[in-house]
Amino acid sequence: MGKLIGGVLLIVGTSIGAGILALPVSVAQAGFVSSSILLFLCWLLMTFAAFLILEVNLWFPNTSNIITMAKETLGIPGQIVAWIVYLALLYSLLTLYMSGGTDVLHSLMGFAGVHTSDWYDSLVFTVVLGSVVYCGTKTIDYVNRGLMFIKLGSFILLLALVLMHVHPAYVLSGNASKLWPTVMVMITSFGFATLVPSLRVYFHSDVKKLRRVILIGSLIPLTCYILWDLAILGTVPLEGSKGLLFILQSGHTVGGLMTALQDIVNSETISEMSKLFTSICVATSFLGVSLCMTDFLADGLNIDKRGWGNLKIITLTYLPPVVIVLFYPTVFMKALNYAGTFTTTLLALLPALMVWRGRYVLKLSGAYRVFGGKPLILLGVLVSFIAVVVGVVQEFHIVN
């Protein structure tokens, strides 16, 4: 049971990042009802895709990751797409979390009266959490469990403080036509499926446990997102100098939202809990993404994650983000604009294509098969493709 809980918490820790605090601001104009429906549909797509990844992964040896899966089912073109999109997405995320962790550590050092440089804080943050990753999935699981209990505790307290001030009129307002710009944000919020190959190794290909972990682990973020949206959209007005629209336009969504809540709820605890929650979000997300990246590189480069091999993988995982954070911080931060498109391509469109070709062309089979047959797989391909197109169009308008 402990291992099952650990697996669930790994998914939850990777999914729920500091972005959950800003999610209600991004969907404010659409309103609670329509945004909750879209959240559910995005969860449905990404969880279905996670089960597709599990099916494909079980066709191949235990240590196989996205690279092997794409190469064996879609050939060299699929392998190239997987390499490019996976590295772009995960290096972007690692850079983001490393940058955030550096800021958190710098603040903590300053609070303790110790003044340090950014490069020192970046190295300390990376070495401490990187050491956890080096020790393997079991160590990551145990550390993540401790962090997650604090993280969920602070989130529940935040939620309880805010829910007491909900106005029904705020909850029922909104314009569903404003939903489209939020699709990619929501899809990215369920980008946990990169963990599936790593979880398979951890659970020794136990299909029953893996299915349970994926389902429960994905339902918890969905529940948290909907409850948090209810709390914020039902408490903070849309218009006004401290309204959600003003906060969205300010560019400081988390800070602005916490200030508005503190004024409405009249509690300084809001500010302290949000800082604690955000800090731990950085650490748990960093651990989850690091685990995905190390297993991906081990598979793609055919390196054994033991001894010198493990050290090579850790170096390849963290050296590029450290260099970027210290010398070229804007490079991969810009790539994060495309996170939704990367996530949909890698974790929804590619899995559906891999299952179609693996099942119906190559006639592959394994210990698990996702229900639905050809109609559901075709629907998955169609919906994923439309989502990718929506993401590209949105980013084209952002860039121009």
Protein backbone atom coordinates (compact mmCIF):
# COMPACT_ATOMS: atom_id res chain seq x y z
CA MET A 1 0.00 0.00 0.00
CA GLY A 2 2.86 2.39 0.82
CA LYS A 3 4.36 1.93 -2.62
CA LEU A 4 0.96 2.51 -4.23
CA ILE A 5 0.55 5.77 -2.33
CA GLY A 6 4.07 6.75 -3.32
CA GLY A 7 3.30 6.19 -7.00
CA VAL A 8 0.11 8.23 -6.76
CA LEU A 9 1.97 11.05 -5.02
CA LEU A 10 4.67 11.06 -7.71
CA ILE A 11 1.97 11.73 -10.32
CA VAL A 12 0.27 14.34 -8.13
CA GLY A 13 3.58 16.03 -7.30
CA THR A 14 4.56 16.23 -10.96
CA SER A 15 1.12 17.45 -12.09
CA ILE A 16 0.34 20.05 -9.45
CA GLY A 17 2.92 22.80 -9.73
CA ALA A 18 2.89 26.42 -8.63
CA GLY A 19 0.82 27.08 -11.75
CA ILE A 20 -2.29 25.82 -9.98
CA LEU A 21 -2.37 29.12 -8.06
CA ALA A 22 -2.57 31.07 -11.32
CA LEU A 23 -4.93 28.67 -13.15
CA PRO A 24 -8.16 30.41 -12.01
CA VAL A 25 -6.83 33.75 -13.27
CA SER A 26 -6.29 32.32 -16.77
CA VAL A 27 -9.86 30.92 -16.91
CA ALA A 28 -11.50 33.87 -15.14
CA GLN A 29 -13.36 35.23 -18.18
CA ALA A 30 -14.72 31.79 -19.11
CA GLY A 31 -16.18 31.24 -15.64
CA PHE A 32 -16.30 28.28 -13.29
CA VAL A 33 -18.89 26.06 -14.98
CA SER A 34 -17.48 26.06 -18.52
CA SER A 35 -13.85 25.91 -17.35
CA SER A 36 -14.65 22.90 -15.12
CA ILE A 37 -16.17 21.08 -18.09
CA LEU A 38 -13.08 21.79 -20.20
CA LEU A 39 -10.81 20.72 -17.35
CA PHE A 40 -12.66 17.40 -17.20
CA LEU A 41 -12.33 16.91 -20.98
CA CYS A 42 -8.60 17.70 -20.89
CA TRP A 43 -8.19 15.24 -18.00
CA LEU A 44 -10.09 12.63 -20.01
CA LEU A 45 -7.82 13.10 -23.06
CA MET A 46 -4.54 13.09 -21.13
CA THR A 47 -5.46 10.18 -18.85
CA PHE A 48 -6.63 8.12 -21.84
CA ALA A 49 -3.30 8.93 -23.52
CA ALA A 50 -1.42 7.87 -20.35
CA PHE A 51 -3.10 4.46 -20.57
CA LEU A 52 -2.11 4.28 -24.25
CA ILE A 53 1.50 4.94 -23.24
CA LEU A 54 1.21 2.12 -20.69
CA GLU A 55 -0.08 -0.26 -23.36
CA VAL A 56 2.74 0.57 -25.76
CA ASN A 57 5.39 0.48 -23.04
CA LEU A 58 4.32 -3.04 -22.03
CA TRP A 59 5.05 -4.29 -25.56
CA PHE A 60 8.77 -3.75 -24.97
CA PRO A 61 11.43 -4.59 -22.32
CA ASN A 62 11.09 -3.20 -18.80
CA THR A 63 13.51 -0.27 -19.19
CA SER A 64 12.03 0.99 -22.48
CA ASN A 65 11.04 4.65 -22.65
CA ILE A 66 9.52 7.00 -25.24
CA ILE A 67 12.49 6.71 -27.64
CA THR A 68 12.30 2.92 -27.95
CA MET A 69 8.51 3.04 -28.14
CA ALA A 70 8.51 5.65 -30.93
CA LYS A 71 11.30 3.97 -32.91
CA GLU A 72 9.76 0.49 -32.80
CA THR A 73 6.24 1.64 -33.74
CA LEU A 74 6.68 4.78 -35.89
CA GLY A 75 10.20 4.27 -37.20
CA ILE A 76 12.98 6.86 -37.50
CA PRO A 77 10.59 9.83 -38.09
CA GLY A 78 8.73 9.04 -34.86
CA GLN A 79 12.02 8.63 -33.01
CA ILE A 80 13.28 12.03 -34.21
CA VAL A 81 10.04 13.79 -33.21
CA ALA A 82 10.14 12.11 -29.80
CA TRP A 83 13.76 13.19 -29.21
CA ILE A 84 13.17 16.81 -30.20
CA VAL A 85 9.86 17.35 -28.41
CA TYR A 86 10.84 15.46 -25.25
CA LEU A 87 14.15 17.29 -24.81
CA ALA A 88 12.58 20.68 -25.56
CA LEU A 89 9.76 20.14 -23.08
CA LEU A 90 11.70 18.59 -20.19
CA TYR A 91 14.77 20.83 -20.44
CA SER A 92 12.41 23.81 -20.47
CA LEU A 93 10.65 22.53 -17.35
CA LEU A 94 13.90 21.70 -15.57
CA THR A 95 15.20 25.18 -16.36
CA LEU A 96 11.99 26.72 -15.00
CA TYR A 97 12.03 24.70 -11.77
CA MET A 98 15.77 25.24 -11.31
CA SER A 99 15.29 28.98 -11.72
CA GLY A 100 12.37 28.93 -9.28
CA GLY A 101 14.30 26.79 -6.80
CA THR A 102 17.24 29.19 -6.99
CA ASP A 103 14.95 32.10 -6.13
CA VAL A 104 13.38 30.20 -3.21
CA LEU A 105 16.77 29.17 -1.81
CA HIS A 106 18.11 32.72 -2.23
CA SER A 107 15.13 34.06 -0.26
CA LEU A 108 15.60 31.49 2.50
CA MET A 109 19.32 32.28 2.75
CA GLY A 110 18.55 35.99 2.93
CA PHE A 111 15.96 35.40 5.64
CA ALA A 112 18.63 33.53 7.64
CA GLY A 113 21.01 36.47 7.20
CA VAL A 114 23.27 34.64 4.74
CA HIS A 115 23.95 36.43 1.46
CA THR A 116 24.84 34.16 -1.45
CA SER A 117 25.21 34.52 -5.22
CA ASP A 118 22.79 33.11 -7.78
CA TRP A 119 25.30 30.60 -9.12
CA TYR A 120 25.88 29.24 -5.61
CA ASP A 121 22.15 28.88 -4.94
CA SER A 122 21.62 27.18 -8.33
CA LEU A 123 24.37 24.66 -7.63
CA VAL A 124 23.18 23.92 -4.08
CA PHE A 125 19.58 23.42 -5.21
CA THR A 126 20.64 21.15 -8.07
CA VAL A 127 23.18 19.13 -6.05
CA VAL A 128 20.80 18.51 -3.13
CA LEU A 129 17.80 17.41 -5.20
CA GLY A 130 20.02 15.86 -7.89
CA SER A 131 21.52 13.61 -5.20
CA VAL A 132 18.03 12.36 -4.41
CA VAL A 133 17.46 11.57 -8.09
CA TYR A 134 20.88 9.85 -8.32
CA CYS A 135 19.85 7.48 -5.52
CA GLY A 136 16.96 6.15 -7.60
CA THR A 137 13.18 5.96 -7.78
CA LYS A 138 12.73 4.55 -4.27
CA THR A 139 14.59 7.50 -2.69
CA ILE A 140 12.67 9.96 -4.89
CA ASP A 141 9.45 8.31 -3.77
CA TYR A 142 10.23 8.64 -0.04
CA VAL A 143 11.41 12.26 -0.28
CA ASN A 144 8.44 13.14 -2.49
CA ARG A 145 6.01 11.59 0.03
CA GLY A 146 7.27 13.84 2.82
CA LEU A 147 7.14 16.94 0.63
CA MET A 148 3.71 16.04 -0.73
CA PHE A 149 2.09 15.72 2.70
CA ILE A 150 3.28 19.26 3.54
CA LYS A 151 2.26 20.46 0.08
CA LEU A 152 -1.26 19.00 0.23
CA GLY A 153 -1.66 20.16 3.84
CA SER A 154 -0.83 23.76 2.94
CA PHE A 155 -3.11 23.57 -0.11
CA ILE A 156 -6.05 22.21 1.92
CA LEU A 157 -5.60 24.98 4.50
CA LEU A 158 -5.51 27.60 1.71
CA LEU A 159 -8.63 26.09 0.18
CA ALA A 160 -10.52 26.00 3.48
CA LEU A 161 -9.72 29.65 4.21
CA VAL A 162 -10.95 30.82 0.82
CA LEU A 163 -14.02 28.58 0.30
CA MET A 164 -15.77 30.19 3.27
CA HIS A 165 -16.03 33.46 1.28
CA VAL A 166 -17.53 32.13 -1.98
CA HIS A 167 -20.35 34.15 -3.63
CA PRO A 168 -22.78 32.05 -5.73
CA ALA A 169 -23.25 34.93 -8.21
CA TYR A 170 -19.52 34.93 -9.00
CA VAL A 171 -19.52 31.15 -9.51
CA LEU A 172 -22.34 31.24 -12.08
CA SER A 173 -20.92 34.11 -14.16
CA GLY A 174 -18.63 33.73 -17.17
CA ASN A 175 -18.43 33.61 -20.96
CA ALA A 176 -17.79 30.17 -22.46
CA SER A 177 -16.45 31.72 -25.69
CA LYS A 178 -13.33 32.77 -23.74
CA LEU A 179 -12.31 29.14 -23.16
CA TRP A 180 -10.10 28.56 -26.23
CA PRO A 181 -7.03 30.47 -24.97
CA THR A 182 -6.98 28.25 -21.86
CA VAL A 183 -6.95 24.85 -23.61
CA MET A 184 -3.15 24.52 -23.72
CA VAL A 185 -2.80 25.64 -20.07
CA MET A 186 -5.21 22.92 -18.99
CA ILE A 187 -3.60 20.21 -21.10
CA THR A 188 -0.18 21.07 -19.67
CA SER A 189 -1.69 20.76 -16.18
CA PHE A 190 -2.16 17.03 -16.84
CA GLY A 191 1.27 16.35 -18.34
CA PHE A 192 2.14 13.52 -15.96
CA ALA A 193 2.32 10.68 -18.50
CA THR A 194 6.09 11.04 -18.96
CA LEU A 195 6.25 9.19 -15.63
CA VAL A 196 4.49 6.05 -16.91
CA PRO A 197 7.63 4.19 -18.15
CA SER A 198 9.45 5.02 -14.87
CA LEU A 199 6.48 3.84 -12.81
CA ARG A 200 6.39 0.61 -14.77
CA VAL A 201 9.99 -0.11 -13.70
CA TYR A 202 9.18 0.83 -10.10
CA PHE A 203 6.11 -1.45 -9.99
CA HIS A 204 7.81 -4.30 -11.87
CA SER A 205 5.23 -4.25 -14.70
CA ASP A 206 2.31 -4.94 -12.32
CA VAL A 207 -0.53 -3.83 -14.65
CA LYS A 208 -3.24 -3.80 -11.98
CA LYS A 209 -1.25 -1.48 -9.72
CA LEU A 210 -0.11 0.72 -12.60
CA ARG A 211 -3.68 1.25 -13.82
CA ARG A 212 -4.79 2.13 -10.31
CA VAL A 213 -1.90 4.55 -9.76
CA ILE A 214 -2.53 6.34 -13.06
CA LEU A 215 -6.27 6.69 -12.45
CA ILE A 216 -6.09 7.82 -8.82
CA GLY A 217 -3.00 9.94 -9.43
CA SER A 218 -4.74 11.83 -12.25
CA LEU A 219 -8.07 12.25 -10.43
CA ILE A 220 -6.48 14.06 -7.46
CA PRO A 221 -5.09 16.95 -9.57
CA LEU A 222 -8.43 17.22 -11.41
CA THR A 223 -10.27 17.50 -8.08
CA CYS A 224 -7.76 20.03 -6.73
CA TYR A 225 -7.98 22.17 -9.88
CA ILE A 226 -11.79 22.28 -9.83
CA LEU A 227 -12.00 23.06 -6.10
CA TRP A 228 -9.35 25.79 -6.37
CA ASP A 229 -11.14 27.32 -9.37
CA LEU A 230 -14.36 27.29 -7.36
CA ALA A 231 -12.65 28.98 -4.43
CA ILE A 232 -11.00 31.74 -6.47
CA LEU A 233 -13.65 32.39 -9.11
CA GLY A 234 -16.29 32.43 -6.38
CA THR A 235 -14.35 34.80 -4.14
CA VAL A 236 -12.43 37.34 -6.24
CA PRO A 237 -14.52 39.58 -8.54
CA LEU A 238 -13.78 39.66 -12.26
CA GLU A 239 -13.65 43.47 -12.56
CA GLY A 240 -12.01 46.15 -10.43
CA SER A 241 -8.54 47.21 -9.32
CA LYS A 242 -8.08 43.89 -7.49
CA GLY A 243 -10.21 41.82 -9.85
CA LEU A 244 -9.09 38.78 -11.82
CA LEU A 245 -8.86 40.65 -15.14
CA PHE A 246 -6.57 43.28 -13.63
CA ILE A 247 -4.39 40.54 -12.09
CA LEU A 248 -4.20 38.72 -15.44
CA GLN A 249 -3.10 41.88 -17.26
CA SER A 250 -0.55 42.77 -14.58
CA GLY A 251 1.65 39.78 -15.43
CA HIS A 252 2.11 38.94 -11.71
CA THR A 253 -0.67 36.39 -11.39
CA VAL A 254 0.39 34.49 -8.27
CA GLY A 255 1.52 37.55 -6.28
CA GLY A 256 -1.49 39.62 -7.37
CA LEU A 257 -3.92 36.83 -6.58
CA MET A 258 -2.48 36.23 -3.12
CA THR A 259 -2.65 39.96 -2.33
CA ALA A 260 -6.29 40.11 -3.44
CA LEU A 261 -7.18 37.04 -1.39
CA GLN A 262 -5.40 38.36 1.67
CA ASP A 263 -7.50 41.54 1.48
CA ILE A 264 -10.77 39.68 0.90
CA VAL A 265 -10.25 36.95 3.49
CA ASN A 266 -8.36 39.28 5.84
CA SER A 267 -5.79 36.66 6.78
CA GLU A 268 -1.99 36.85 6.59
CA THR A 269 -1.97 33.05 6.69
CA ILE A 270 -2.91 33.14 2.98
CA SER A 271 0.42 34.72 2.09
CA GLU A 272 2.47 32.32 4.23
CA MET A 273 0.65 29.22 3.00
CA SER A 274 1.00 30.28 -0.63
CA LYS A 275 4.76 30.77 -0.19
CA LEU A 276 5.11 27.33 1.43
CA PHE A 277 2.96 25.69 -1.23
CA THR A 278 4.84 27.36 -4.11
CA SER A 279 8.24 26.42 -2.65
CA ILE A 280 7.35 22.75 -2.27
CA CYS A 281 5.69 22.70 -5.73
CA VAL A 282 9.06 23.62 -7.23
CA ALA A 283 10.80 20.73 -5.43
CA THR A 284 8.21 17.99 -6.15
CA SER A 285 7.83 18.98 -9.81
CA PHE A 286 11.63 19.10 -10.17
CA LEU A 287 11.96 15.57 -8.77
CA GLY A 288 9.22 14.17 -11.02
CA VAL A 289 10.56 15.76 -14.20
CA SER A 290 14.13 14.73 -13.28
CA LEU A 291 13.05 11.09 -12.92
CA CYS A 292 11.39 11.22 -16.34
CA MET A 293 14.46 12.80 -17.95
CA THR A 294 16.98 10.36 -16.48
CA ASP A 295 14.98 7.32 -17.59
CA PHE A 296 14.43 8.88 -21.03
CA LEU A 297 18.15 9.55 -21.54
CA ALA A 298 19.11 6.10 -20.25
CA ASP A 299 16.80 4.51 -22.82
CA GLY A 300 17.64 6.87 -25.70
CA LEU A 301 21.42 6.65 -25.22
CA ASN A 302 21.39 3.00 -24.09
CA ILE A 303 23.22 3.76 -20.82
CA ASP A 304 22.83 1.61 -17.72
CA LYS A 305 21.68 3.68 -14.73
CA ARG A 306 24.32 2.24 -12.41
CA GLY A 307 27.76 3.44 -11.37
CA TRP A 308 29.46 5.68 -13.95
CA GLY A 309 26.49 5.26 -16.26
CA ASN A 310 24.19 6.83 -13.69
CA LEU A 311 26.66 9.70 -13.17
CA LYS A 312 26.72 10.34 -16.94
CA ILE A 313 22.91 10.44 -17.04
CA ILE A 314 22.73 12.83 -14.08
CA THR A 315 25.31 15.11 -15.73
CA LEU A 316 23.39 15.14 -19.03
CA THR A 317 20.17 15.84 -17.14
CA TYR A 318 21.36 18.82 -15.10
CA LEU A 319 24.33 20.41 -16.85
CA PRO A 320 22.34 22.06 -19.69
CA PRO A 321 19.67 23.58 -17.36
CA VAL A 322 22.36 24.88 -14.95
CA VAL A 323 24.25 26.56 -17.82
CA ILE A 324 21.00 28.02 -19.16
CA VAL A 325 19.88 29.35 -15.77
CA LEU A 326 23.27 30.99 -15.17
CA PHE A 327 24.10 32.35 -18.63
CA TYR A 328 21.11 32.16 -21.03
CA PRO A 329 17.96 32.29 -18.88
CA THR A 330 15.64 33.54 -21.63
CA VAL A 331 16.34 30.78 -24.17
CA PHE A 332 14.30 27.95 -22.70
CA MET A 333 11.89 30.26 -20.87
CA LYS A 334 10.69 31.27 -24.34
CA ALA A 335 10.29 27.60 -25.23
CA LEU A 336 7.86 27.27 -22.33
CA ASN A 337 5.37 29.29 -24.40
CA TYR A 338 5.04 26.12 -26.45
CA ALA A 339 4.71 23.74 -23.47
CA GLY A 340 1.07 22.95 -24.23
CA THR A 341 1.84 22.09 -27.86
CA PHE A 342 4.87 20.00 -26.82
CA THR A 343 2.80 18.18 -24.18
CA THR A 344 -0.07 17.39 -26.55
CA THR A 345 2.26 16.18 -29.30
CA LEU A 346 4.37 14.00 -27.02
CA LEU A 347 1.77 12.69 -24.57
CA ALA A 348 -1.43 12.52 -26.63
CA LEU A 349 -0.88 12.51 -30.41
CA LEU A 350 2.23 10.28 -30.52
CA PRO A 351 0.80 7.63 -28.12
CA ALA A 352 -2.41 7.36 -30.18
CA LEU A 353 -0.38 6.95 -33.39
CA MET A 354 1.94 4.41 -31.72
CA VAL A 355 -0.99 2.30 -30.53
CA TRP A 356 -2.69 2.41 -33.94
CA ARG A 357 0.41 1.30 -35.84
CA GLY A 358 1.53 -1.15 -33.17
CA ARG A 359 -1.85 -2.86 -32.83
CA TYR A 360 -3.22 -2.82 -36.36
CA VAL A 361 -0.13 -2.72 -38.60
CA LEU A 362 2.66 -4.42 -36.64
CA LYS A 363 0.24 -6.69 -34.71
CA LEU A 364 2.01 -6.12 -31.38
CA SER A 365 0.40 -7.16 -28.10
CA GLY A 366 1.30 -7.21 -24.43
CA ALA A 367 -0.07 -7.56 -20.92
CA TYR A 368 -2.57 -4.71 -21.28
CA ARG A 369 -4.85 -3.30 -23.95
CA VAL A 370 -6.81 -0.04 -23.65
CA PHE A 371 -10.52 -0.50 -24.31
CA GLY A 372 -12.35 1.08 -27.24
CA GLY A 373 -10.77 -0.38 -30.34
CA LYS A 374 -10.26 1.54 -33.58
CA PRO A 375 -13.03 4.16 -33.11
CA LEU A 376 -11.62 5.41 -29.80
CA ILE A 377 -8.03 5.47 -31.06
CA LEU A 378 -9.09 7.42 -34.16
CA LEU A 379 -10.99 9.85 -31.92
CA GLY A 380 -7.84 10.22 -29.78
CA VAL A 381 -5.74 10.99 -32.88
CA LEU A 382 -8.31 13.52 -34.14
CA VAL A 383 -8.76 15.36 -30.83
CA SER A 384 -5.00 15.42 -30.18
CA PHE A 385 -4.30 16.75 -33.66
CA ILE A 386 -6.91 19.49 -33.27
CA ALA A 387 -5.38 20.43 -29.89
CA VAL A 388 -1.90 20.65 -31.44
CA VAL A 389 -3.23 22.89 -34.22
CA VAL A 390 -4.98 25.11 -31.65
CA GLY A 391 -1.71 25.38 -29.72
CA VAL A 392 0.32 26.28 -32.81
CA VAL A 393 -2.23 28.92 -33.87
CA GLN A 394 -2.28 30.44 -30.38
CA GLU A 395 1.49 30.62 -30.20
CA PHE A 396 1.70 32.08 -33.71
CA HIS A 397 -0.49 34.96 -32.55
CA ILE A 398 1.58 35.34 -29.36
CA VAL A 399 4.83 35.51 -31.30
CA ASN A 400 3.44 37.94 -33.82
